[in-house]
Amino acid sequence: LENIPQNLYSMDVEYKLARCLHPHQVYVMLNGMKGVGKDVEINQDYSEPASCEVKFEDFQTALQAYNWIRTGADGTVGEGNNVTLLGGDCQLHWFRTPQDGMKYWTRELNF
């Protein structure tokens, strides 16, 4: 998930994902968010992530969860990669965008 709205804490993101996936008996817990956002001394629950990576135990679960997150808890499918689940311009990608992703598109990388 990328471009998570700035007004969401990591516990808000986890809660919204849990509400979406819980009816399908898929449970999530965010980890590694401590020190992300404005107040780096605050614990993980109150960090403000701009993006996060969600991992699943197998491909089938990941594929189904991708579709459930895209559809959202209310059944609304966002346009393109946009996800209505978290609000704003949040985007869902199958794979995380590489750190040098823009260099590829602007042709600054030499292969």
Protein backbone atom coordinates (compact mmCIF):
# COMPACT_ATOMS: atom_id res chain seq x y z
CA LEU A 1 0.00 0.00 0.00
CA GLU A 2 1.43 3.37 -0.99
CA ASN A 3 0.33 6.98 -0.49
CA ILE A 4 -1.44 6.22 2.78
CA PRO A 5 -3.17 9.44 3.91
CA GLN A 6 -1.12 11.44 6.41
CA ASN A 7 -3.88 11.56 9.00
CA LEU A 8 -3.84 7.77 9.56
CA TYR A 9 -1.81 6.09 12.27
CA SER A 10 -0.49 2.58 11.78
CA MET A 11 -3.18 1.22 14.12
CA ASP A 12 -5.83 2.85 11.87
CA VAL A 13 -4.34 1.18 8.81
CA GLU A 14 -4.22 -2.18 10.60
CA TYR A 15 -7.83 -1.80 11.78
CA LYS A 16 -9.14 -0.94 8.31
CA LEU A 17 -7.27 -3.86 6.75
CA ALA A 18 -8.55 -6.17 9.48
CA ARG A 19 -12.17 -5.09 8.90
CA CYS A 20 -11.77 -5.84 5.20
CA LEU A 21 -10.10 -9.24 5.60
CA HIS A 22 -11.73 -10.58 8.78
CA PRO A 23 -14.93 -11.84 7.07
CA HIS A 24 -12.67 -14.10 4.96
CA GLN A 25 -10.81 -15.48 8.03
CA VAL A 26 -7.61 -13.65 7.06
CA TYR A 27 -5.97 -11.75 9.89
CA VAL A 28 -3.30 -9.05 9.63
CA MET A 29 -0.92 -7.38 12.02
CA LEU A 30 1.42 -4.59 10.99
CA ASN A 31 4.99 -4.86 12.19
CA GLY A 32 8.05 -2.69 11.83
CA MET A 33 6.25 0.66 11.96
CA LYS A 34 8.00 2.04 15.05
CA GLY A 35 9.59 5.40 14.38
CA VAL A 36 7.74 5.98 11.11
CA GLY A 37 6.23 9.42 10.65
CA LYS A 38 6.46 12.70 12.53
CA ASP A 39 7.12 11.55 16.10
CA VAL A 40 9.87 8.94 15.94
CA GLU A 41 9.93 8.37 19.71
CA ILE A 42 6.30 7.23 19.88
CA ASN A 43 5.47 3.54 19.78
CA GLN A 44 4.44 1.62 16.68
CA ASP A 45 0.68 2.14 17.10
CA TYR A 46 0.98 5.92 16.74
CA SER A 47 3.46 6.05 13.88
CA GLU A 48 2.22 7.54 10.59
CA PRO A 49 3.27 5.31 7.69
CA ALA A 50 3.29 6.65 4.13
CA SER A 51 3.32 3.08 2.81
CA CYS A 52 3.42 -0.47 4.07
CA GLU A 53 4.02 -3.96 2.76
CA VAL A 54 1.53 -6.70 3.53
CA LYS A 55 2.81 -10.29 3.30
CA PHE A 56 0.81 -13.49 3.22
CA GLU A 57 1.78 -17.11 3.77
CA ASP A 58 0.99 -18.29 0.24
CA PHE A 59 0.18 -17.04 -3.25
CA GLN A 60 -3.51 -18.00 -3.13
CA THR A 61 -4.14 -16.00 0.04
CA ALA A 62 -2.17 -13.05 -1.33
CA LEU A 63 -4.15 -13.04 -4.57
CA GLN A 64 -7.51 -13.22 -2.80
CA ALA A 65 -6.49 -10.54 -0.27
CA TYR A 66 -5.34 -8.29 -3.12
CA ASN A 67 -8.82 -8.52 -4.66
CA TRP A 68 -10.58 -8.04 -1.31
CA ILE A 69 -8.49 -4.96 -0.48
CA ARG A 70 -9.09 -3.57 -3.99
CA THR A 71 -12.81 -4.05 -3.57
CA GLY A 72 -12.84 -2.65 -0.03
CA ALA A 73 -15.18 -3.41 2.83
CA ASP A 74 -18.02 -1.51 1.14
CA GLY A 75 -17.63 -3.25 -2.24
CA THR A 76 -16.37 -0.14 -4.04
CA VAL A 77 -13.58 -0.77 -6.54
CA GLY A 78 -11.24 2.18 -6.98
CA GLU A 79 -10.12 3.42 -10.36
CA GLY A 80 -6.79 1.99 -11.52
CA ASN A 81 -4.65 1.14 -8.48
CA ASN A 82 -6.56 3.48 -6.16
CA VAL A 83 -8.04 1.92 -3.05
CA THR A 84 -11.06 3.44 -1.33
CA LEU A 85 -10.43 1.39 1.82
CA LEU A 86 -8.03 3.92 3.40
CA GLY A 87 -9.33 7.05 1.71
CA GLY A 88 -7.34 9.68 -0.14
CA ASP A 89 -5.09 8.67 -3.02
CA CYS A 90 -3.94 5.40 -1.46
CA GLN A 91 -2.75 2.89 -4.04
CA LEU A 92 -2.46 -0.87 -3.94
CA HIS A 93 0.34 -2.56 -5.86
CA TRP A 94 0.94 -6.26 -6.28
CA PHE A 95 4.67 -5.79 -5.76
CA ARG A 96 6.41 -3.00 -3.93
CA THR A 97 7.76 -0.27 -6.19
CA PRO A 98 11.58 -0.42 -6.27
CA GLN A 99 13.47 2.50 -4.73
CA ASP A 100 14.81 3.47 -8.16
CA GLY A 101 11.46 2.98 -9.93
CA MET A 102 11.25 6.55 -11.24
CA LYS A 103 14.73 6.30 -12.74
CA TYR A 104 13.45 3.42 -14.88
CA TRP A 105 10.50 5.43 -16.20
CA THR A 106 12.60 8.57 -16.82
CA ARG A 107 15.24 6.43 -18.59
CA GLU A 108 17.98 7.38 -16.15
CA LEU A 109 18.93 3.73 -15.58
CA ASN A 110 21.33 1.96 -17.89
CA PHE A 111 20.75 -1.78 -18.29
